[in-house]
Amino acid sequence: MKKLVTGMVLVLFFVLCAGVSVCLAGKTYDRVERDGLVRIGLMYNSIPAAYFNENNEWVGFDVDIAEEVAKRIGGYMGKDLKVERVKVNNKTRISFLTSDRIDMSTANMTHKRERDRVIDFSITYFFDGQKILAKKGRFTKHEDFVGKKLASMQGTTSEKNAVNLLKALGDPNAEKNVISFQDEPSCFLALQQDKVAGWTTDSTILIGFSAKEPGKYELVGDFFSDEPYGIGLPEDDSKWRDSVNFAIQDMWADGTYMKIYNKWYGADTEYYFPMTEKIEMWP
């Protein structure tokens, strides 16, 4: 009897410990404040959002935005936070959040309802839309791609949007004509080698890669989707989400956001993309 009671006490102890661990795991703000460290998921081959330049420096719009957000949050806490950059891709940028490997994912991520079922998002911090990139002079409108092959990244909303576009244009083989690749460089290589007629994803990504060979490529047709980017965050962690949102809004209010934006997408850059929206502000 004594062994049975002891065993039950031990089981109850481990169950309570597990419950406490789960509760603590959700307190991202408190953990970051305690440890002085924020782990940020970033792409590493997405030009000009986050990539390694010719000097092997990890740079880009998302890199600057994420580090400024972390700096602001540290200011709210009254301390300097260390930043740990973590490589993510289109397959891991969500799973790393749900497995507590990162605290935020600033990684070309469109805020979609499907994704919001498993993670939370910040307010929109970047506004884009999907287009098609092709070799210059070959196509003039979306209808020209019916029956042609289009490259897109596997498991992304861009892939689904491309299939839906071709279906809406009457392509009977829409699903077969959207060819999936693992990453953005692979999509661009397929276009370079004429394995596909076009590559479709968010326009700023296409602008970034086409800048490698000026004058050789062009965007064809109008936007056919809205892509509001949010910073991916742990689910149901409102204190952390609020701090990220406040940081984005404060960056917009004091001009820091547009300074970063113009550094990467301004009129005097090779990735020019006019700002036509504004950050959501709360009174």
Protein backbone atom coordinates (compact mmCIF):
# COMPACT_ATOMS: atom_id res chain seq x y z
CA MET A 1 0.00 0.00 0.00
CA LYS A 2 2.84 2.34 0.90
CA LYS A 3 4.50 1.74 -2.49
CA LEU A 4 1.21 2.45 -4.27
CA VAL A 5 0.77 5.78 -2.47
CA THR A 6 4.37 6.73 -3.15
CA GLY A 7 3.92 5.89 -6.81
CA MET A 8 0.76 7.98 -7.05
CA VAL A 9 2.52 10.94 -5.40
CA LEU A 10 5.37 10.70 -7.89
CA VAL A 11 2.98 10.54 -10.83
CA LEU A 12 1.09 13.58 -9.50
CA PHE A 13 4.39 15.41 -9.01
CA PHE A 14 5.52 14.83 -12.62
CA VAL A 15 2.09 15.77 -13.98
CA LEU A 16 2.19 19.05 -12.03
CA CYS A 17 5.74 19.75 -13.19
CA ALA A 18 4.72 19.13 -16.78
CA GLY A 19 1.79 21.49 -16.35
CA VAL A 20 4.01 24.18 -14.90
CA SER A 21 6.48 23.72 -17.77
CA VAL A 22 3.73 24.15 -20.33
CA CYS A 23 2.52 27.31 -18.59
CA LEU A 24 6.03 28.72 -18.40
CA ALA A 25 6.68 27.86 -22.05
CA GLY A 26 3.92 30.27 -23.04
CA LYS A 27 5.41 33.20 -21.12
CA THR A 28 7.76 34.34 -23.85
CA TYR A 29 8.02 37.93 -22.65
CA ASP A 30 8.99 36.84 -19.14
CA ARG A 31 11.55 34.33 -20.39
CA VAL A 32 13.13 36.83 -22.80
CA GLU A 33 13.29 39.41 -20.01
CA ARG A 34 14.85 36.89 -17.64
CA ASP A 35 17.41 35.48 -20.08
CA GLY A 36 18.11 38.69 -21.97
CA LEU A 37 17.90 36.78 -25.24
CA VAL A 38 15.43 36.79 -28.15
CA ARG A 39 15.61 34.09 -30.84
CA ILE A 40 14.57 35.31 -34.26
CA GLY A 41 13.76 33.08 -37.23
CA LEU A 42 15.00 34.56 -40.52
CA MET A 43 15.23 33.42 -44.10
CA TYR A 44 18.75 33.27 -45.50
CA ASN A 45 18.34 33.19 -49.28
CA SER A 46 15.48 35.64 -49.84
CA ILE A 47 16.72 38.80 -51.57
CA PRO A 48 16.36 41.51 -50.28
CA ALA A 49 14.45 40.38 -47.19
CA ALA A 50 17.12 38.20 -45.58
CA TYR A 51 20.17 36.79 -47.34
CA PHE A 52 23.95 36.51 -47.22
CA ASN A 53 25.67 39.19 -49.27
CA GLU A 54 28.99 38.96 -51.12
CA ASN A 55 30.81 39.47 -47.81
CA ASN A 56 28.89 36.58 -46.23
CA GLU A 57 26.97 39.05 -44.03
CA TRP A 58 23.40 38.16 -43.11
CA VAL A 59 21.50 41.26 -44.21
CA GLY A 60 18.12 42.41 -45.49
CA PHE A 61 14.90 44.24 -44.74
CA ASP A 62 13.55 41.53 -42.43
CA VAL A 63 16.88 41.34 -40.62
CA ASP A 64 16.83 45.08 -39.88
CA ILE A 65 13.15 45.08 -38.91
CA ALA A 66 13.51 42.10 -36.57
CA GLU A 67 16.57 43.47 -34.81
CA GLU A 68 14.95 46.89 -34.37
CA VAL A 69 11.86 45.20 -32.89
CA ALA A 70 14.09 43.30 -30.46
CA LYS A 71 15.92 46.52 -29.56
CA ARG A 72 12.60 48.28 -28.83
CA ILE A 73 11.35 45.41 -26.68
CA GLY A 74 14.58 45.53 -24.74
CA GLY A 75 13.95 49.22 -24.20
CA TYR A 76 10.51 48.46 -22.76
CA MET A 77 12.21 45.99 -20.41
CA GLY A 78 14.95 48.44 -19.49
CA LYS A 79 17.76 46.25 -20.78
CA ASP A 80 19.75 45.39 -23.91
CA LEU A 81 18.63 42.11 -25.43
CA LYS A 82 20.97 39.75 -27.22
CA VAL A 83 19.66 38.52 -30.57
CA GLU A 84 20.13 34.97 -31.79
CA ARG A 85 19.51 34.64 -35.51
CA VAL A 86 18.08 31.27 -36.50
CA LYS A 87 17.87 30.05 -40.08
CA VAL A 88 14.36 29.13 -41.19
CA ASN A 89 12.72 28.33 -44.50
CA ASN A 90 9.17 28.05 -45.77
CA LYS A 91 8.82 24.64 -44.10
CA THR A 92 10.36 25.42 -40.69
CA ARG A 93 9.34 29.03 -40.01
CA ILE A 94 6.12 27.85 -38.31
CA SER A 95 7.30 24.56 -36.79
CA PHE A 96 10.21 26.31 -35.07
CA LEU A 97 7.65 28.55 -33.33
CA THR A 98 5.39 25.71 -32.24
CA SER A 99 8.36 23.71 -30.94
CA ASP A 100 9.73 26.71 -28.97
CA ARG A 101 12.95 26.95 -30.98
CA ILE A 102 12.37 30.63 -31.81
CA ASP A 103 10.44 33.51 -30.27
CA MET A 104 9.45 35.26 -33.50
CA SER A 105 9.54 34.44 -37.18
CA THR A 106 10.27 37.40 -39.44
CA ALA A 107 10.35 35.46 -42.66
CA ASN A 108 8.27 36.64 -45.65
CA MET A 109 5.19 35.17 -43.99
CA THR A 110 1.74 36.12 -45.22
CA HIS A 111 -0.84 36.25 -42.44
CA LYS A 112 -3.34 33.55 -43.40
CA ARG A 113 -6.24 32.12 -41.42
CA GLU A 114 -4.90 28.62 -41.96
CA ARG A 115 -1.61 29.58 -40.30
CA ASP A 116 -3.37 31.52 -37.55
CA ARG A 117 -4.84 28.25 -36.31
CA VAL A 118 -1.47 27.17 -34.95
CA ILE A 119 0.47 30.42 -34.35
CA ASP A 120 -0.26 34.08 -33.76
CA PHE A 121 0.81 37.04 -35.87
CA SER A 122 1.80 40.62 -35.29
CA ILE A 123 0.02 43.42 -37.09
CA THR A 124 1.00 43.67 -40.76
CA TYR A 125 4.52 45.04 -41.07
CA PHE A 126 4.93 44.72 -44.85
CA PHE A 127 2.51 44.86 -47.77
CA ASP A 128 3.09 42.86 -50.93
CA GLY A 129 1.24 40.90 -53.60
CA GLN A 130 1.92 38.00 -55.93
CA LYS A 131 3.12 38.45 -59.51
CA ILE A 132 4.86 36.46 -62.24
CA LEU A 133 8.46 36.96 -63.34
CA ALA A 134 9.49 35.98 -66.86
CA LYS A 135 12.27 36.65 -69.33
CA LYS A 136 11.81 40.05 -70.89
CA GLY A 137 9.64 40.38 -73.99
CA ARG A 138 8.14 36.89 -73.95
CA PHE A 139 4.79 37.50 -72.24
CA THR A 140 2.47 40.46 -71.75
CA LYS A 141 -0.44 39.17 -69.61
CA HIS A 142 -1.44 36.32 -67.30
CA GLU A 143 -3.39 34.57 -70.06
CA ASP A 144 -0.12 33.99 -71.91
CA PHE A 145 0.92 31.46 -69.25
CA VAL A 146 -2.03 29.11 -69.81
CA GLY A 147 -0.54 25.74 -70.75
CA LYS A 148 2.93 26.88 -69.66
CA LYS A 149 4.98 25.83 -66.64
CA LEU A 150 5.23 28.11 -63.63
CA ALA A 151 7.73 27.71 -60.79
CA SER A 152 6.71 28.24 -57.18
CA MET A 153 7.95 27.23 -53.75
CA GLN A 154 6.61 24.03 -52.30
CA GLY A 155 4.09 24.32 -49.48
CA THR A 156 3.53 28.07 -49.81
CA THR A 157 0.44 30.19 -50.41
CA SER A 158 2.11 31.30 -53.65
CA GLU A 159 1.91 27.75 -54.94
CA LYS A 160 -1.82 27.54 -54.19
CA ASN A 161 -2.47 30.97 -55.66
CA ALA A 162 -0.68 30.02 -58.88
CA VAL A 163 -2.81 26.90 -59.32
CA ASN A 164 -5.98 28.91 -58.68
CA LEU A 165 -4.91 31.58 -61.18
CA LEU A 166 -4.31 29.05 -63.97
CA LYS A 167 -7.60 27.32 -63.19
CA ALA A 168 -9.45 30.64 -63.36
CA LEU A 169 -7.82 31.30 -66.75
CA GLY A 170 -9.08 27.95 -68.05
CA ASP A 171 -5.91 25.88 -67.92
CA PRO A 172 -7.09 22.21 -67.75
CA ASN A 173 -3.69 21.12 -66.37
CA ALA A 174 -3.28 23.90 -63.83
CA GLU A 175 -2.03 21.67 -61.00
CA LYS A 176 0.52 19.90 -63.22
CA ASN A 177 1.72 23.17 -64.71
CA VAL A 178 2.74 24.63 -61.33
CA ILE A 179 6.12 23.09 -60.61
CA SER A 180 7.19 23.07 -56.96
CA PHE A 181 10.75 23.79 -55.86
CA GLN A 182 12.37 23.69 -52.43
CA ASP A 183 13.51 27.30 -52.25
CA GLU A 184 13.69 30.63 -54.07
CA PRO A 185 17.14 30.13 -55.67
CA SER A 186 15.89 26.86 -57.20
CA CYS A 187 12.86 28.64 -58.67
CA PHE A 188 15.06 31.33 -60.17
CA LEU A 189 17.48 28.77 -61.59
CA ALA A 190 14.60 26.95 -63.29
CA LEU A 191 13.58 30.23 -64.91
CA GLN A 192 17.14 31.01 -65.96
CA GLN A 193 17.44 27.59 -67.59
CA ASP A 194 14.04 27.86 -69.35
CA LYS A 195 12.68 24.87 -67.44
CA VAL A 196 9.66 27.05 -66.67
CA ALA A 197 8.07 29.99 -68.47
CA GLY A 198 7.70 32.02 -65.31
CA TRP A 199 8.28 32.10 -61.58
CA THR A 200 5.51 33.32 -59.32
CA THR A 201 5.71 34.49 -55.73
CA ASP A 202 5.59 37.80 -53.83
CA SER A 203 6.68 40.63 -56.10
CA THR A 204 9.47 41.98 -53.90
CA ILE A 205 11.17 38.58 -53.90
CA LEU A 206 10.97 38.51 -57.70
CA ILE A 207 12.37 42.04 -57.88
CA GLY A 208 15.24 41.03 -55.63
CA PHE A 209 16.32 38.05 -57.71
CA SER A 210 15.82 39.73 -61.10
CA ALA A 211 18.18 42.51 -59.97
CA LYS A 212 21.00 39.96 -60.27
CA GLU A 213 20.68 40.26 -64.05
CA PRO A 214 19.40 43.79 -64.80
CA GLY A 215 17.24 44.15 -67.89
CA LYS A 216 16.84 40.43 -68.52
CA TYR A 217 13.59 39.81 -66.64
CA GLU A 218 10.28 41.58 -66.10
CA LEU A 219 7.13 41.28 -64.02
CA VAL A 220 4.13 40.31 -66.13
CA GLY A 221 0.57 41.43 -65.34
CA ASP A 222 -0.98 42.87 -62.22
CA PHE A 223 -1.03 41.55 -58.67
CA PHE A 224 -3.30 38.55 -58.35
CA SER A 225 -3.20 38.24 -54.55
CA ASP A 226 -2.71 40.35 -51.45
CA GLU A 227 0.18 39.27 -49.23
CA PRO A 228 0.13 41.08 -45.86
CA TYR A 229 3.24 40.00 -43.96
CA GLY A 230 3.08 39.48 -40.22
CA ILE A 231 5.74 38.45 -37.74
CA GLY A 232 4.93 34.92 -36.65
CA LEU A 233 4.61 34.55 -32.87
CA PRO A 234 3.86 31.81 -30.32
CA GLU A 235 0.16 30.99 -29.98
CA ASP A 236 -1.85 32.61 -27.14
CA ASP A 237 0.99 34.69 -25.72
CA SER A 238 -0.57 38.14 -25.61
CA LYS A 239 2.07 39.97 -23.56
CA TRP A 240 4.77 39.05 -26.07
CA ARG A 241 2.49 39.81 -29.03
CA ASP A 242 1.63 43.22 -27.61
CA SER A 243 5.30 44.11 -27.16
CA VAL A 244 6.04 43.20 -30.79
CA ASN A 245 3.06 45.22 -32.02
CA PHE A 246 4.00 48.23 -29.90
CA ALA A 247 7.55 48.07 -31.28
CA ILE A 248 6.33 48.06 -34.89
CA GLN A 249 3.97 50.97 -34.23
CA ASP A 250 6.62 52.99 -32.42
CA MET A 251 9.03 52.41 -35.32
CA TRP A 252 6.42 53.76 -37.71
CA ALA A 253 5.58 56.74 -35.51
CA ASP A 254 9.16 57.99 -35.15
CA GLY A 255 10.20 57.35 -38.76
CA THR A 256 12.52 54.41 -38.12
CA TYR A 257 10.35 52.05 -40.13
CA MET A 258 10.50 54.16 -43.30
CA LYS A 259 14.23 54.65 -42.85
CA ILE A 260 14.68 50.88 -42.96
CA TYR A 261 12.14 50.54 -45.77
CA ASN A 262 13.87 53.11 -47.96
CA LYS A 263 17.24 51.50 -47.30
CA TRP A 264 16.00 48.35 -49.06
CA TYR A 265 13.06 49.41 -51.24
CA GLY A 266 13.57 53.13 -51.81
CA ALA A 267 13.66 54.84 -55.21
CA ASP A 268 17.46 54.85 -55.28
CA THR A 269 17.79 51.09 -54.69
CA GLU A 270 17.79 48.23 -57.17
CA TYR A 271 14.76 46.76 -55.37
CA TYR A 272 12.50 49.80 -55.68
CA PHE A 273 8.99 49.07 -54.40
CA PRO A 274 6.84 52.13 -53.57
CA MET A 275 5.15 52.17 -50.19
CA THR A 276 1.40 52.50 -50.74
CA GLU A 277 0.06 51.45 -47.33
CA LYS A 278 0.61 52.39 -43.71
CA ILE A 279 1.11 50.52 -40.47
CA GLU A 280 -1.97 50.00 -38.32
CA MET A 281 -1.78 52.44 -35.42
CA TRP A 282 -3.63 52.25 -32.12
CA PRO A 283 -4.52 55.37 -30.07
